[in-house]
């Protein structure tokens, strides 16, 4: 159940918040990193929203990126990044995506770490870069 592992990993990176807060990108956010205008959600609702958002991120990644050379752990990195940055934000990692599509995972991991995103979320970036490099869940 790799998707559930991805959900748990995103939960760890995002953290649960019952009430809205402003994330580092200045967006009103709630639950496990879901952007909202106001209302709080309980943890069960947040998990339901997260599962839905992860499915949407996965569909977007598979639509826009050739993941045929990725195992499940590497695909999960892209899903995690799409969840965190939005699909358009992930698509801004053009060099990384090019390396992923060629199966050059060492270079892809280096591109991940050579970014403003990695400076903003260093623990997440380091963990996901290692996962991209090794192809194993962290």
N, C-alpha and C. Protein backbone atom coordinates (compact mmCIF):
# COMPACT_ATOMS: atom_id res chain seq x y z
N UNK A 1 0.83 -1.19 0.00
CA UNK A 1 0.00 0.00 0.00
C UNK A 1 0.87 1.25 0.00
N UNK A 2 1.55 1.47 -1.09
CA UNK A 2 2.48 2.59 -1.16
C UNK A 2 1.79 3.94 -1.00
N UNK A 3 0.54 4.05 -1.44
CA UNK A 3 -0.15 5.32 -1.32
C UNK A 3 -0.34 5.69 0.15
N UNK A 4 -0.62 4.70 0.99
CA UNK A 4 -0.79 4.98 2.42
C UNK A 4 0.54 5.39 3.04
N UNK A 5 1.64 4.82 2.56
CA UNK A 5 2.96 5.25 3.05
C UNK A 5 3.18 6.71 2.66
N UNK A 6 2.80 7.06 1.43
CA UNK A 6 2.93 8.45 0.99
C UNK A 6 2.07 9.37 1.84
N UNK A 7 0.83 8.94 2.14
CA UNK A 7 -0.06 9.74 3.00
C UNK A 7 0.60 9.96 4.35
N UNK A 8 1.15 8.91 4.95
CA UNK A 8 1.79 9.04 6.26
C UNK A 8 3.01 9.97 6.18
N UNK A 9 3.76 9.87 5.09
CA UNK A 9 4.94 10.72 4.93
C UNK A 9 4.53 12.19 4.79
N UNK A 10 3.50 12.45 4.00
CA UNK A 10 3.02 13.83 3.86
C UNK A 10 2.49 14.34 5.19
N UNK A 11 1.78 13.50 5.95
CA UNK A 11 1.29 13.90 7.27
C UNK A 11 2.45 14.32 8.16
N UNK A 12 3.54 13.56 8.10
CA UNK A 12 4.72 13.89 8.91
C UNK A 12 5.30 15.24 8.49
N UNK A 13 5.37 15.48 7.19
CA UNK A 13 5.97 16.73 6.71
C UNK A 13 5.07 17.93 6.94
N UNK A 14 3.77 17.77 6.74
CA UNK A 14 2.85 18.89 6.87
C UNK A 14 2.45 19.17 8.31
N UNK A 15 2.24 18.12 9.10
CA UNK A 15 1.72 18.28 10.45
C UNK A 15 0.23 18.62 10.41
N UNK A 16 -0.49 18.20 11.44
CA UNK A 16 -1.93 18.44 11.50
C UNK A 16 -2.20 19.75 12.23
N UNK A 17 -3.03 20.57 11.66
CA UNK A 17 -3.48 21.83 12.27
C UNK A 17 -5.00 21.87 12.18
N UNK A 18 -5.69 22.01 13.32
CA UNK A 18 -7.15 22.04 13.34
C UNK A 18 -7.70 23.36 12.82
N UNK A 19 -6.99 24.44 13.05
CA UNK A 19 -7.46 25.78 12.65
C UNK A 19 -6.53 26.37 11.58
N UNK A 20 -7.06 27.29 10.80
CA UNK A 20 -6.27 27.88 9.71
C UNK A 20 -5.00 28.58 10.20
N UNK A 21 -3.99 28.51 9.39
CA UNK A 21 -2.73 29.23 9.64
C UNK A 21 -2.16 29.63 8.29
N UNK A 22 -1.24 30.56 8.34
CA UNK A 22 -0.58 30.97 7.10
C UNK A 22 0.71 30.19 6.96
N UNK A 23 0.83 29.46 5.84
CA UNK A 23 2.04 28.69 5.57
C UNK A 23 3.17 29.62 5.13
N UNK A 24 4.34 29.05 4.90
CA UNK A 24 5.49 29.86 4.50
C UNK A 24 5.26 30.57 3.18
N UNK A 25 4.33 30.06 2.37
CA UNK A 25 3.98 30.71 1.11
C UNK A 25 2.90 31.76 1.26
N UNK A 26 2.47 32.04 2.52
CA UNK A 26 1.47 33.06 2.78
C UNK A 26 0.04 32.64 2.47
N UNK A 27 -0.19 31.33 2.32
CA UNK A 27 -1.53 30.84 2.00
C UNK A 27 -2.24 30.36 3.26
N UNK A 28 -3.51 30.66 3.35
CA UNK A 28 -4.32 30.19 4.46
C UNK A 28 -4.47 28.68 4.31
N UNK A 29 -4.08 27.95 5.33
CA UNK A 29 -3.95 26.50 5.24
C UNK A 29 -4.62 25.85 6.44
N UNK A 30 -5.03 24.61 6.28
CA UNK A 30 -5.71 23.89 7.37
C UNK A 30 -5.46 22.39 7.24
N UNK A 31 -5.66 21.68 8.31
CA UNK A 31 -5.54 20.22 8.29
C UNK A 31 -4.12 19.79 8.04
N UNK A 32 -3.92 18.95 7.07
CA UNK A 32 -2.59 18.47 6.69
C UNK A 32 -2.10 19.23 5.45
N UNK A 33 -2.04 20.53 5.55
CA UNK A 33 -1.51 21.33 4.46
C UNK A 33 -2.52 21.73 3.41
N UNK A 34 -3.78 21.62 3.71
CA UNK A 34 -4.80 22.01 2.72
C UNK A 34 -5.11 23.50 2.84
N UNK A 35 -5.05 24.21 1.74
CA UNK A 35 -5.34 25.65 1.72
C UNK A 35 -6.85 25.88 1.77
N UNK A 36 -7.28 26.72 2.71
CA UNK A 36 -8.69 27.07 2.87
C UNK A 36 -8.83 28.54 3.21
N UNK A 37 -10.06 29.02 3.14
CA UNK A 37 -10.33 30.40 3.54
C UNK A 37 -10.52 30.52 5.05
N UNK A 38 -11.25 29.60 5.67
CA UNK A 38 -11.46 29.74 7.11
C UNK A 38 -11.67 28.41 7.82
N UNK A 39 -12.78 27.80 7.90
CA UNK A 39 -13.22 26.73 8.79
C UNK A 39 -12.18 25.71 9.24
N UNK A 40 -12.24 25.38 10.52
CA UNK A 40 -11.43 24.28 11.05
C UNK A 40 -12.02 22.94 10.65
N UNK A 41 -11.21 21.90 10.70
CA UNK A 41 -11.67 20.53 10.42
C UNK A 41 -11.12 19.62 11.50
N UNK A 42 -11.86 18.55 11.79
CA UNK A 42 -11.31 17.59 12.75
C UNK A 42 -10.31 16.69 12.04
N UNK A 43 -9.60 15.90 12.80
CA UNK A 43 -8.52 15.10 12.23
C UNK A 43 -9.03 14.09 11.20
N UNK A 44 -10.15 13.49 11.44
CA UNK A 44 -10.72 12.53 10.48
C UNK A 44 -11.03 13.22 9.15
N UNK A 45 -11.62 14.40 9.21
CA UNK A 45 -11.91 15.15 7.99
C UNK A 45 -10.61 15.53 7.27
N UNK A 46 -9.62 15.93 8.05
CA UNK A 46 -8.33 16.30 7.45
C UNK A 46 -7.70 15.10 6.75
N UNK A 47 -7.81 13.92 7.34
CA UNK A 47 -7.25 12.74 6.69
C UNK A 47 -7.99 12.41 5.40
N UNK A 48 -9.31 12.61 5.40
CA UNK A 48 -10.08 12.39 4.18
C UNK A 48 -9.67 13.39 3.10
N UNK A 49 -9.52 14.63 3.49
CA UNK A 49 -9.08 15.65 2.53
C UNK A 49 -7.68 15.32 1.99
N UNK A 50 -6.81 14.90 2.89
CA UNK A 50 -5.44 14.56 2.49
C UNK A 50 -5.44 13.40 1.48
N UNK A 51 -6.18 12.35 1.78
CA UNK A 51 -6.23 11.21 0.86
C UNK A 51 -6.72 11.65 -0.52
N UNK A 52 -7.73 12.49 -0.54
CA UNK A 52 -8.25 13.01 -1.81
C UNK A 52 -7.19 13.83 -2.54
N UNK A 53 -6.54 14.72 -1.81
CA UNK A 53 -5.53 15.59 -2.43
C UNK A 53 -4.33 14.80 -2.94
N UNK A 54 -3.94 13.74 -2.22
CA UNK A 54 -2.84 12.89 -2.67
C UNK A 54 -3.23 12.16 -3.96
N UNK A 55 -4.47 11.68 -4.03
CA UNK A 55 -4.94 11.05 -5.27
C UNK A 55 -4.90 12.03 -6.44
N UNK A 56 -5.32 13.26 -6.18
CA UNK A 56 -5.29 14.30 -7.22
C UNK A 56 -3.85 14.60 -7.64
N UNK A 57 -2.94 14.68 -6.67
CA UNK A 57 -1.53 14.93 -6.98
C UNK A 57 -0.96 13.79 -7.81
N UNK A 58 -1.29 12.56 -7.43
CA UNK A 58 -0.81 11.39 -8.18
C UNK A 58 -1.31 11.43 -9.62
N UNK A 59 -2.59 11.72 -9.80
CA UNK A 59 -3.15 11.78 -11.16
C UNK A 59 -2.47 12.88 -11.97
N UNK A 60 -2.22 14.02 -11.35
CA UNK A 60 -1.55 15.11 -12.05
C UNK A 60 -0.13 14.76 -12.44
N UNK A 61 0.59 14.14 -11.52
CA UNK A 61 1.97 13.72 -11.80
C UNK A 61 1.98 12.75 -12.98
N UNK A 62 1.11 11.76 -12.94
CA UNK A 62 1.09 10.76 -14.01
C UNK A 62 0.65 11.35 -15.35
N UNK A 63 -0.16 12.40 -15.31
CA UNK A 63 -0.59 13.07 -16.53
C UNK A 63 0.54 13.88 -17.16
N UNK A 64 1.38 14.47 -16.34
CA UNK A 64 2.35 15.46 -16.83
C UNK A 64 3.78 14.96 -16.93
N UNK A 65 4.10 13.86 -16.23
CA UNK A 65 5.49 13.39 -16.17
C UNK A 65 5.53 11.92 -16.58
N UNK A 66 6.53 11.55 -17.37
CA UNK A 66 6.74 10.15 -17.73
C UNK A 66 7.40 9.47 -16.53
N UNK A 67 6.61 8.69 -15.80
CA UNK A 67 7.12 8.03 -14.59
C UNK A 67 7.38 6.55 -14.84
N UNK A 68 7.51 6.16 -16.09
CA UNK A 68 7.67 4.75 -16.43
C UNK A 68 8.94 4.13 -15.86
N UNK A 69 9.95 4.94 -15.59
CA UNK A 69 11.19 4.42 -15.01
C UNK A 69 11.21 4.49 -13.49
N UNK A 70 10.16 5.02 -12.89
CA UNK A 70 10.09 5.20 -11.43
C UNK A 70 9.49 3.97 -10.76
N UNK A 71 10.11 3.57 -9.65
CA UNK A 71 9.43 2.60 -8.80
C UNK A 71 8.45 3.37 -7.92
N UNK A 72 7.75 2.68 -7.03
CA UNK A 72 6.72 3.34 -6.23
C UNK A 72 7.29 4.40 -5.29
N UNK A 73 8.45 4.15 -4.72
CA UNK A 73 9.06 5.11 -3.80
C UNK A 73 9.44 6.40 -4.52
N UNK A 74 9.94 6.29 -5.73
CA UNK A 74 10.32 7.49 -6.50
C UNK A 74 9.08 8.23 -6.99
N UNK A 75 8.06 7.51 -7.42
CA UNK A 75 6.80 8.14 -7.78
C UNK A 75 6.25 8.90 -6.59
N UNK A 76 6.37 8.32 -5.41
CA UNK A 76 5.87 8.96 -4.18
C UNK A 76 6.58 10.28 -3.92
N UNK A 77 7.85 10.39 -4.27
CA UNK A 77 8.58 11.65 -4.11
C UNK A 77 7.90 12.73 -4.95
N UNK A 78 7.59 12.40 -6.18
CA UNK A 78 6.94 13.36 -7.07
C UNK A 78 5.55 13.73 -6.57
N UNK A 79 4.81 12.75 -6.06
CA UNK A 79 3.48 13.02 -5.51
C UNK A 79 3.61 13.94 -4.30
N UNK A 80 4.57 13.64 -3.44
CA UNK A 80 4.79 14.45 -2.23
C UNK A 80 5.12 15.89 -2.61
N UNK A 81 6.00 16.05 -3.59
CA UNK A 81 6.37 17.39 -4.02
C UNK A 81 5.19 18.11 -4.68
N UNK A 82 4.39 17.39 -5.48
CA UNK A 82 3.22 17.99 -6.11
C UNK A 82 2.22 18.42 -5.05
N UNK A 83 2.08 17.62 -4.01
CA UNK A 83 1.19 17.99 -2.91
C UNK A 83 1.70 19.26 -2.24
N UNK A 84 2.99 19.31 -1.96
CA UNK A 84 3.58 20.42 -1.23
C UNK A 84 3.63 21.71 -2.06
N UNK A 85 4.00 21.60 -3.32
CA UNK A 85 4.24 22.76 -4.18
C UNK A 85 3.08 23.07 -5.12
N UNK A 86 2.14 22.14 -5.25
CA UNK A 86 1.15 22.21 -6.31
C UNK A 86 1.78 21.62 -7.57
N UNK A 87 0.95 21.13 -8.47
CA UNK A 87 1.48 20.50 -9.68
C UNK A 87 2.29 21.49 -10.50
N UNK A 88 1.80 22.72 -10.62
CA UNK A 88 2.55 23.72 -11.39
C UNK A 88 3.89 24.02 -10.74
N UNK A 89 3.94 24.06 -9.42
CA UNK A 89 5.21 24.26 -8.72
C UNK A 89 6.18 23.13 -9.01
N UNK A 90 5.70 21.90 -8.95
CA UNK A 90 6.55 20.75 -9.27
C UNK A 90 7.05 20.84 -10.70
N UNK A 91 6.20 21.25 -11.62
CA UNK A 91 6.60 21.32 -13.03
C UNK A 91 7.69 22.36 -13.27
N UNK A 92 7.89 23.25 -12.31
CA UNK A 92 8.98 24.21 -12.40
C UNK A 92 10.35 23.57 -12.22
N UNK A 93 10.39 22.35 -11.72
CA UNK A 93 11.65 21.60 -11.53
C UNK A 93 11.99 20.89 -12.83
N UNK A 94 12.18 21.65 -13.90
CA UNK A 94 12.36 21.10 -15.24
C UNK A 94 13.57 20.17 -15.35
N UNK A 95 14.70 20.58 -14.79
CA UNK A 95 15.91 19.74 -14.87
C UNK A 95 15.70 18.45 -14.09
N UNK A 96 15.13 18.56 -12.88
CA UNK A 96 14.89 17.37 -12.07
C UNK A 96 13.98 16.40 -12.82
N UNK A 97 12.89 16.92 -13.38
CA UNK A 97 11.94 16.07 -14.09
C UNK A 97 12.61 15.39 -15.28
N UNK A 98 13.44 16.12 -15.99
CA UNK A 98 14.16 15.54 -17.12
C UNK A 98 15.04 14.37 -16.67
N UNK A 99 15.72 14.55 -15.55
CA UNK A 99 16.56 13.47 -15.01
C UNK A 99 15.71 12.28 -14.56
N UNK A 100 14.57 12.54 -13.93
CA UNK A 100 13.67 11.45 -13.51
C UNK A 100 13.22 10.66 -14.72
N UNK A 101 12.82 11.35 -15.77
CA UNK A 101 12.32 10.67 -16.97
C UNK A 101 13.40 9.84 -17.66
N UNK A 102 14.66 10.21 -17.46
CA UNK A 102 15.77 9.42 -18.02
C UNK A 102 16.27 8.35 -17.07
N UNK A 103 15.78 8.37 -15.82
CA UNK A 103 16.25 7.40 -14.83
C UNK A 103 17.56 7.81 -14.20
N UNK A 104 17.93 9.08 -14.30
CA UNK A 104 19.17 9.61 -13.70
C UNK A 104 18.83 10.15 -12.31
N UNK A 105 18.67 9.25 -11.36
CA UNK A 105 18.13 9.63 -10.06
C UNK A 105 19.13 10.40 -9.19
N UNK A 106 20.41 10.16 -9.36
CA UNK A 106 21.41 10.93 -8.61
C UNK A 106 21.33 12.40 -9.01
N UNK A 107 21.26 12.66 -10.30
CA UNK A 107 21.14 14.03 -10.78
C UNK A 107 19.80 14.65 -10.38
N UNK A 108 18.75 13.85 -10.42
CA UNK A 108 17.43 14.36 -10.00
C UNK A 108 17.47 14.79 -8.54
N UNK A 109 18.09 13.97 -7.69
CA UNK A 109 18.19 14.30 -6.26
C UNK A 109 19.00 15.58 -6.06
N UNK A 110 20.08 15.74 -6.82
CA UNK A 110 20.90 16.96 -6.71
C UNK A 110 20.09 18.19 -7.12
N UNK A 111 19.30 18.06 -8.17
CA UNK A 111 18.46 19.19 -8.61
C UNK A 111 17.42 19.55 -7.54
N UNK A 112 16.88 18.54 -6.88
CA UNK A 112 15.92 18.80 -5.80
C UNK A 112 16.58 19.64 -4.71
N UNK A 113 17.80 19.28 -4.36
CA UNK A 113 18.49 19.95 -3.25
C UNK A 113 19.03 21.32 -3.65
N UNK A 114 19.19 21.54 -4.95
CA UNK A 114 19.69 22.83 -5.45
C UNK A 114 18.50 23.72 -5.81
N UNK A 115 17.69 24.02 -4.81
CA UNK A 115 16.47 24.78 -5.08
C UNK A 115 16.09 25.64 -3.87
N UNK A 116 15.29 26.63 -4.14
CA UNK A 116 14.74 27.47 -3.06
C UNK A 116 13.85 26.60 -2.15
N UNK A 117 13.11 25.68 -2.76
CA UNK A 117 12.25 24.76 -2.01
C UNK A 117 13.05 24.02 -0.94
N UNK A 118 14.24 23.52 -1.30
CA UNK A 118 15.07 22.78 -0.34
C UNK A 118 15.50 23.67 0.82
N UNK A 119 15.70 24.96 0.56
CA UNK A 119 16.04 25.88 1.65
C UNK A 119 14.84 26.15 2.54
N UNK A 120 13.64 26.12 1.97
CA UNK A 120 12.42 26.39 2.73
C UNK A 120 12.01 25.20 3.60
N UNK A 121 12.18 23.99 3.08
CA UNK A 121 11.78 22.77 3.81
C UNK A 121 12.94 21.77 3.77
N UNK A 122 14.05 22.10 4.45
CA UNK A 122 15.26 21.28 4.33
C UNK A 122 15.10 19.83 4.78
N UNK A 123 14.37 19.57 5.84
CA UNK A 123 14.22 18.19 6.29
C UNK A 123 13.45 17.36 5.27
N UNK A 124 12.37 17.91 4.78
CA UNK A 124 11.57 17.23 3.77
C UNK A 124 12.40 17.03 2.50
N UNK A 125 13.07 18.07 2.05
CA UNK A 125 13.86 17.99 0.82
C UNK A 125 14.97 16.94 0.93
N UNK A 126 15.66 16.92 2.06
CA UNK A 126 16.73 15.94 2.24
C UNK A 126 16.19 14.52 2.25
N UNK A 127 15.08 14.32 2.95
CA UNK A 127 14.49 12.98 3.01
C UNK A 127 14.02 12.53 1.63
N UNK A 128 13.34 13.42 0.91
CA UNK A 128 12.83 13.04 -0.40
C UNK A 128 13.94 12.87 -1.43
N UNK A 129 14.99 13.68 -1.32
CA UNK A 129 16.14 13.51 -2.23
C UNK A 129 16.79 12.15 -2.01
N UNK A 130 16.92 11.76 -0.75
CA UNK A 130 17.50 10.45 -0.45
C UNK A 130 16.60 9.34 -0.99
N UNK A 131 15.30 9.52 -0.84
CA UNK A 131 14.35 8.52 -1.37
C UNK A 131 14.44 8.45 -2.89
N UNK A 132 14.59 9.59 -3.55
CA UNK A 132 14.74 9.62 -5.00
C UNK A 132 16.02 8.89 -5.40
N UNK A 133 17.09 9.15 -4.67
CA UNK A 133 18.38 8.55 -4.98
C UNK A 133 18.37 7.03 -4.81
N UNK A 134 17.86 6.58 -3.66
CA UNK A 134 17.92 5.14 -3.34
C UNK A 134 16.76 4.35 -3.90
N UNK A 135 15.64 5.02 -4.14
CA UNK A 135 14.45 4.29 -4.58
C UNK A 135 13.80 3.50 -3.46
N UNK A 136 14.13 3.88 -2.22
CA UNK A 136 13.59 3.19 -1.05
C UNK A 136 12.92 4.19 -0.13
N UNK A 137 11.82 3.75 0.52
CA UNK A 137 11.10 4.61 1.46
C UNK A 137 12.02 5.01 2.58
N UNK A 138 11.91 6.26 3.01
CA UNK A 138 12.72 6.78 4.09
C UNK A 138 11.94 6.81 5.39
